[in-house]
Amino acid sequence: MWRQREDIQVKMAGLRRNIKNLAHNYSDAQVKVREATSNDPWGPSSTLMSEIADLTYNVVAFTEIMQMIWKRLNDNGRNWRHVYKALVLLEYLIKTGSEKVSHLKVSDFLNPVTCELIEVTK
């Protein structure tokens, strides 16, 4: 019974995400980043991260991907999975994506509060 309820919640979240994607007219690259960094209780698939890494070689898609990652990194509260998964995705993109990803400065993507937290925990 509990498992069925959880499955229904996950399906509803996916449906809500699809409606938001259409309403905001997100590009294919942005939709993939949103899916990889969703609040679902599992990590992003390696297949999806690989597709996103391939898209970083396209100039337009690269900008869209990095903007969406930046947006996810600045979430907070109940959306903590957005931040965690965005960091996982960013690490993957640094290792396997376009060289442009590794040339970006972390400070370009994190807000000052987050940067202060990183300095404290070093």
N, C-alpha and C. Protein backbone atom coordinates (compact mmCIF):
# COMPACT_ATOMS: atom_id res chain seq x y z
N MET A 1 0.82 -1.20 0.00
CA MET A 1 0.00 0.00 0.00
C MET A 1 0.86 1.26 0.00
N TRP A 2 1.89 1.28 0.91
CA TRP A 2 2.76 2.44 1.01
C TRP A 2 3.54 2.64 -0.29
N ARG A 3 3.99 1.51 -0.88
CA ARG A 3 4.76 1.55 -2.12
C ARG A 3 3.93 2.13 -3.26
N GLN A 4 2.65 1.76 -3.33
CA GLN A 4 1.77 2.27 -4.37
C GLN A 4 1.59 3.78 -4.23
N ARG A 5 1.47 4.23 -3.00
CA ARG A 5 1.31 5.66 -2.75
C ARG A 5 2.55 6.43 -3.21
N GLU A 6 3.73 5.88 -2.90
CA GLU A 6 4.99 6.51 -3.31
C GLU A 6 5.10 6.55 -4.83
N ASP A 7 4.71 5.47 -5.51
CA ASP A 7 4.75 5.42 -6.98
C ASP A 7 3.83 6.48 -7.59
N ILE A 8 2.66 6.65 -6.99
CA ILE A 8 1.72 7.66 -7.49
C ILE A 8 2.30 9.06 -7.31
N GLN A 9 2.94 9.32 -6.18
CA GLN A 9 3.55 10.63 -5.94
C GLN A 9 4.65 10.93 -6.95
N VAL A 10 5.47 9.92 -7.25
CA VAL A 10 6.56 10.10 -8.22
C VAL A 10 5.99 10.37 -9.61
N LYS A 11 4.92 9.65 -9.98
CA LYS A 11 4.30 9.86 -11.29
C LYS A 11 3.68 11.26 -11.38
N MET A 12 3.06 11.71 -10.30
CA MET A 12 2.47 13.05 -10.29
C MET A 12 3.56 14.12 -10.39
N ALA A 13 4.68 13.91 -9.71
CA ALA A 13 5.79 14.86 -9.80
C ALA A 13 6.32 14.93 -11.23
N GLY A 14 6.43 13.78 -11.88
CA GLY A 14 6.88 13.74 -13.27
C GLY A 14 5.92 14.46 -14.20
N LEU A 15 4.62 14.27 -13.96
CA LEU A 15 3.61 14.95 -14.76
C LEU A 15 3.68 16.46 -14.55
N ARG A 16 3.82 16.89 -13.28
CA ARG A 16 3.94 18.31 -12.96
C ARG A 16 5.18 18.90 -13.64
N ARG A 17 6.30 18.15 -13.64
CA ARG A 17 7.54 18.61 -14.28
C ARG A 17 7.33 18.79 -15.78
N ASN A 18 6.63 17.83 -16.41
CA ASN A 18 6.37 17.93 -17.85
C ASN A 18 5.51 19.15 -18.19
N ILE A 19 4.52 19.43 -17.35
CA ILE A 19 3.68 20.61 -17.57
C ILE A 19 4.50 21.88 -17.43
N LYS A 20 5.37 21.95 -16.41
CA LYS A 20 6.24 23.12 -16.24
C LYS A 20 7.17 23.30 -17.44
N ASN A 21 7.72 22.18 -17.94
CA ASN A 21 8.61 22.25 -19.09
C ASN A 21 7.91 22.87 -20.29
N LEU A 22 6.66 22.47 -20.50
CA LEU A 22 5.88 23.03 -21.62
C LEU A 22 5.51 24.49 -21.36
N ALA A 23 5.07 24.78 -20.14
CA ALA A 23 4.63 26.14 -19.81
C ALA A 23 5.78 27.15 -19.91
N HIS A 24 6.97 26.75 -19.49
CA HIS A 24 8.12 27.65 -19.53
C HIS A 24 8.88 27.57 -20.84
N ASN A 25 8.43 26.70 -21.73
CA ASN A 25 9.04 26.54 -23.06
C ASN A 25 10.54 26.25 -22.95
N TYR A 26 10.91 25.34 -22.05
CA TYR A 26 12.31 24.97 -21.87
C TYR A 26 12.83 24.20 -23.09
N SER A 27 14.09 24.42 -23.42
CA SER A 27 14.72 23.71 -24.53
C SER A 27 14.99 22.26 -24.12
N ASP A 28 15.39 21.45 -25.09
CA ASP A 28 15.70 20.04 -24.82
C ASP A 28 16.83 19.93 -23.79
N ALA A 29 17.84 20.76 -23.92
CA ALA A 29 18.96 20.73 -22.97
C ALA A 29 18.49 21.09 -21.56
N GLN A 30 17.67 22.10 -21.45
CA GLN A 30 17.16 22.51 -20.14
C GLN A 30 16.28 21.44 -19.51
N VAL A 31 15.47 20.79 -20.32
CA VAL A 31 14.61 19.71 -19.83
C VAL A 31 15.45 18.57 -19.28
N LYS A 32 16.53 18.24 -19.99
CA LYS A 32 17.42 17.17 -19.53
C LYS A 32 18.08 17.52 -18.21
N VAL A 33 18.51 18.76 -18.05
CA VAL A 33 19.12 19.18 -16.78
C VAL A 33 18.09 19.15 -15.67
N ARG A 34 16.87 19.61 -15.95
CA ARG A 34 15.81 19.57 -14.94
C ARG A 34 15.51 18.13 -14.52
N GLU A 35 15.51 17.23 -15.47
CA GLU A 35 15.26 15.82 -15.16
C GLU A 35 16.41 15.24 -14.33
N ALA A 36 17.63 15.56 -14.70
CA ALA A 36 18.80 15.03 -13.99
C ALA A 36 18.89 15.58 -12.57
N THR A 37 18.37 16.78 -12.35
CA THR A 37 18.49 17.43 -11.04
C THR A 37 17.14 17.52 -10.33
N SER A 38 16.25 16.60 -10.62
CA SER A 38 14.91 16.63 -10.03
C SER A 38 14.94 16.27 -8.55
N ASN A 39 13.81 16.42 -7.90
CA ASN A 39 13.68 16.07 -6.48
C ASN A 39 13.39 14.59 -6.27
N ASP A 40 13.39 13.80 -7.34
CA ASP A 40 13.15 12.36 -7.20
C ASP A 40 14.20 11.75 -6.28
N PRO A 41 13.83 10.72 -5.50
CA PRO A 41 14.75 10.19 -4.48
C PRO A 41 15.82 9.24 -5.03
N TRP A 42 16.27 9.45 -6.24
CA TRP A 42 17.39 8.68 -6.78
C TRP A 42 18.27 9.62 -7.60
N GLY A 43 19.49 9.20 -7.84
CA GLY A 43 20.44 10.05 -8.56
C GLY A 43 20.17 10.11 -10.04
N PRO A 44 20.82 11.05 -10.73
CA PRO A 44 20.66 11.16 -12.18
C PRO A 44 21.29 9.96 -12.87
N SER A 45 20.67 9.49 -13.93
CA SER A 45 21.20 8.32 -14.64
C SER A 45 22.45 8.71 -15.42
N SER A 46 23.34 7.75 -15.56
CA SER A 46 24.58 8.01 -16.30
C SER A 46 24.28 8.28 -17.77
N THR A 47 23.24 7.66 -18.30
CA THR A 47 22.85 7.89 -19.70
C THR A 47 22.43 9.34 -19.89
N LEU A 48 21.62 9.85 -18.97
CA LEU A 48 21.15 11.23 -19.07
C LEU A 48 22.31 12.21 -18.90
N MET A 49 23.19 11.94 -17.95
CA MET A 49 24.34 12.83 -17.76
C MET A 49 25.25 12.80 -18.98
N SER A 50 25.38 11.65 -19.62
CA SER A 50 26.20 11.54 -20.83
C SER A 50 25.60 12.37 -21.96
N GLU A 51 24.28 12.32 -22.09
CA GLU A 51 23.61 13.13 -23.12
C GLU A 51 23.84 14.62 -22.87
N ILE A 52 23.74 15.02 -21.62
CA ILE A 52 23.97 16.43 -21.27
C ILE A 52 25.42 16.81 -21.55
N ALA A 53 26.36 15.92 -21.22
CA ALA A 53 27.78 16.19 -21.49
C ALA A 53 28.01 16.39 -22.98
N ASP A 54 27.38 15.59 -23.81
CA ASP A 54 27.51 15.74 -25.27
C ASP A 54 26.95 17.08 -25.73
N LEU A 55 25.88 17.54 -25.10
CA LEU A 55 25.27 18.81 -25.48
C LEU A 55 26.14 20.01 -25.12
N THR A 56 27.10 19.84 -24.21
CA THR A 56 27.95 20.97 -23.83
C THR A 56 28.88 21.41 -24.96
N TYR A 57 29.02 20.61 -26.00
CA TYR A 57 29.85 20.98 -27.15
C TYR A 57 29.11 21.93 -28.10
N ASN A 58 27.79 22.07 -27.90
CA ASN A 58 26.99 23.01 -28.68
C ASN A 58 26.95 24.33 -27.91
N VAL A 59 27.30 25.43 -28.55
CA VAL A 59 27.42 26.72 -27.88
C VAL A 59 26.11 27.15 -27.23
N VAL A 60 25.00 27.04 -27.94
CA VAL A 60 23.70 27.46 -27.40
C VAL A 60 23.29 26.55 -26.25
N ALA A 61 23.39 25.25 -26.46
CA ALA A 61 23.01 24.29 -25.42
C ALA A 61 23.89 24.44 -24.19
N PHE A 62 25.19 24.73 -24.39
CA PHE A 62 26.10 24.91 -23.27
C PHE A 62 25.60 26.03 -22.35
N THR A 63 25.22 27.14 -22.94
CA THR A 63 24.73 28.28 -22.16
C THR A 63 23.45 27.91 -21.42
N GLU A 64 22.54 27.23 -22.09
CA GLU A 64 21.28 26.83 -21.45
C GLU A 64 21.53 25.85 -20.30
N ILE A 65 22.44 24.92 -20.51
CA ILE A 65 22.76 23.93 -19.48
C ILE A 65 23.35 24.61 -18.26
N MET A 66 24.31 25.48 -18.47
CA MET A 66 24.98 26.13 -17.34
C MET A 66 24.02 27.07 -16.60
N GLN A 67 23.12 27.74 -17.32
CA GLN A 67 22.13 28.59 -16.67
C GLN A 67 21.21 27.78 -15.77
N MET A 68 20.78 26.61 -16.26
CA MET A 68 19.88 25.77 -15.47
C MET A 68 20.61 25.17 -14.27
N ILE A 69 21.88 24.78 -14.45
CA ILE A 69 22.66 24.28 -13.32
C ILE A 69 22.82 25.38 -12.27
N TRP A 70 23.11 26.60 -12.71
CA TRP A 70 23.25 27.72 -11.79
C TRP A 70 21.96 27.93 -11.00
N LYS A 71 20.83 27.86 -11.71
CA LYS A 71 19.53 28.02 -11.06
C LYS A 71 19.32 26.93 -10.01
N ARG A 72 19.66 25.70 -10.33
CA ARG A 72 19.49 24.58 -9.40
C ARG A 72 20.44 24.71 -8.20
N LEU A 73 21.64 25.19 -8.42
CA LEU A 73 22.60 25.36 -7.32
C LEU A 73 22.13 26.39 -6.31
N ASN A 74 21.29 27.29 -6.73
CA ASN A 74 20.81 28.34 -5.84
C ASN A 74 19.46 28.03 -5.20
N ASP A 75 18.97 26.81 -5.35
CA ASP A 75 17.76 26.38 -4.65
C ASP A 75 18.09 26.12 -3.20
N ASN A 76 17.08 26.04 -2.37
CA ASN A 76 17.32 25.76 -0.96
C ASN A 76 16.10 25.10 -0.34
N GLY A 77 16.18 24.86 0.95
CA GLY A 77 15.06 24.30 1.69
C GLY A 77 14.69 22.91 1.23
N ARG A 78 13.42 22.71 0.90
CA ARG A 78 12.95 21.38 0.53
C ARG A 78 13.50 20.91 -0.82
N ASN A 79 14.11 21.81 -1.57
CA ASN A 79 14.71 21.45 -2.86
C ASN A 79 16.20 21.15 -2.74
N TRP A 80 16.64 20.64 -1.61
CA TRP A 80 18.06 20.36 -1.40
C TRP A 80 18.59 19.35 -2.41
N ARG A 81 17.72 18.46 -2.91
CA ARG A 81 18.18 17.49 -3.91
C ARG A 81 18.59 18.17 -5.22
N HIS A 82 17.95 19.31 -5.54
CA HIS A 82 18.34 20.07 -6.73
C HIS A 82 19.81 20.46 -6.62
N VAL A 83 20.20 20.96 -5.47
CA VAL A 83 21.58 21.41 -5.25
C VAL A 83 22.53 20.22 -5.32
N TYR A 84 22.20 19.16 -4.59
CA TYR A 84 23.07 17.98 -4.56
C TYR A 84 23.25 17.39 -5.96
N LYS A 85 22.14 17.21 -6.67
CA LYS A 85 22.23 16.61 -8.00
C LYS A 85 22.90 17.54 -9.01
N ALA A 86 22.73 18.85 -8.84
CA ALA A 86 23.41 19.80 -9.71
C ALA A 86 24.92 19.69 -9.52
N LEU A 87 25.37 19.49 -8.29
CA LEU A 87 26.80 19.30 -8.02
C LEU A 87 27.31 18.00 -8.62
N VAL A 88 26.51 16.93 -8.52
CA VAL A 88 26.87 15.64 -9.13
C VAL A 88 26.99 15.81 -10.63
N LEU A 89 26.01 16.48 -11.24
CA LEU A 89 26.03 16.70 -12.69
C LEU A 89 27.21 17.58 -13.09
N LEU A 90 27.47 18.63 -12.34
CA LEU A 90 28.58 19.52 -12.65
C LEU A 90 29.91 18.78 -12.60
N GLU A 91 30.09 17.93 -11.60
CA GLU A 91 31.31 17.12 -11.51
C GLU A 91 31.46 16.24 -12.75
N TYR A 92 30.35 15.62 -13.17
CA TYR A 92 30.37 14.75 -14.36
C TYR A 92 30.73 15.56 -15.60
N LEU A 93 30.15 16.75 -15.73
CA LEU A 93 30.42 17.59 -16.90
C LEU A 93 31.87 18.08 -16.93
N ILE A 94 32.44 18.35 -15.78
CA ILE A 94 33.85 18.76 -15.72
C ILE A 94 34.74 17.63 -16.24
N LYS A 95 34.39 16.41 -15.88
CA LYS A 95 35.21 15.26 -16.26
C LYS A 95 34.99 14.82 -17.71
N THR A 96 33.75 14.93 -18.21
CA THR A 96 33.45 14.33 -19.52
C THR A 96 32.88 15.29 -20.55
N GLY A 97 32.51 16.50 -20.14
CA GLY A 97 31.90 17.44 -21.07
C GLY A 97 32.93 18.28 -21.79
N SER A 98 32.45 19.35 -22.40
CA SER A 98 33.31 20.29 -23.11
C SER A 98 34.34 20.89 -22.15
N GLU A 99 35.47 21.24 -22.70
CA GLU A 99 36.54 21.86 -21.91
C GLU A 99 36.08 23.18 -21.29
N LYS A 100 35.09 23.82 -21.93
CA LYS A 100 34.58 25.10 -21.43
C LYS A 100 34.01 24.96 -20.01
N VAL A 101 33.48 23.79 -19.69
CA VAL A 101 32.90 23.59 -18.36
C VAL A 101 33.99 23.71 -17.29
N SER A 102 35.13 23.09 -17.54
CA SER A 102 36.21 23.10 -16.54
C SER A 102 36.89 24.47 -16.42
N HIS A 103 36.68 25.35 -17.39
CA HIS A 103 37.29 26.68 -17.33
C HIS A 103 36.45 27.68 -16.56
N LEU A 104 35.23 27.30 -16.21
CA LEU A 104 34.37 28.20 -15.46
C LEU A 104 34.81 28.24 -14.01
N LYS A 105 34.61 29.39 -13.38
CA LYS A 105 34.93 29.53 -11.96
C LYS A 105 33.71 29.14 -11.14
N VAL A 106 33.94 28.45 -10.03
CA VAL A 106 32.84 28.05 -9.16
C VAL A 106 32.10 29.27 -8.67
N SER A 107 32.80 30.36 -8.41
CA SER A 107 32.16 31.57 -7.90
C SER A 107 31.17 32.16 -8.90
N ASP A 108 31.28 31.78 -10.17
CA ASP A 108 30.33 32.26 -11.17
C ASP A 108 28.94 31.63 -10.96
N PHE A 109 28.89 30.51 -10.25
CA PHE A 109 27.64 29.77 -10.12
C PHE A 109 27.05 29.73 -8.73
N LEU A 110 27.81 30.07 -7.72
CA LEU A 110 27.32 29.98 -6.35
C LEU A 110 27.05 31.37 -5.79
N ASN A 111 26.00 31.47 -5.00
CA ASN A 111 25.72 32.75 -4.36
C ASN A 111 26.69 32.96 -3.20
N PRO A 112 26.85 34.19 -2.74
CA PRO A 112 27.83 34.47 -1.68
C PRO A 112 27.61 33.66 -0.41
N VAL A 113 26.35 33.38 -0.04
CA VAL A 113 26.07 32.60 1.16
C VAL A 113 26.66 31.19 1.01
N THR A 114 26.43 30.57 -0.14
CA THR A 114 26.94 29.23 -0.38
C THR A 114 28.47 29.23 -0.37
N CYS A 115 29.08 30.23 -0.98
CA CYS A 115 30.54 30.31 -0.99
C CYS A 115 31.08 30.41 0.43
N GLU A 116 30.41 31.18 1.29
CA GLU A 116 30.85 31.29 2.69
C GLU A 116 30.79 29.94 3.36
N LEU A 117 29.73 29.15 3.08
CA LEU A 117 29.61 27.83 3.68
C LEU A 117 30.74 26.92 3.23
N ILE A 118 31.13 27.01 1.98
CA ILE A 118 32.22 26.18 1.45
C ILE A 118 33.52 26.54 2.15
N GLU A 119 33.78 27.82 2.33
CA GLU A 119 35.04 28.25 2.99
C GLU A 119 35.09 27.77 4.43
N VAL A 120 33.96 27.76 5.12
CA VAL A 120 33.93 27.33 6.52
C VAL A 120 34.20 25.83 6.64
N THR A 121 33.72 25.04 5.69
CA THR A 121 33.84 23.58 5.79
C THR A 121 35.11 23.02 5.18
N LYS A 122 36.01 23.84 4.67
CA LYS A 122 37.24 23.34 4.04
C LYS A 122 38.11 22.62 5.01
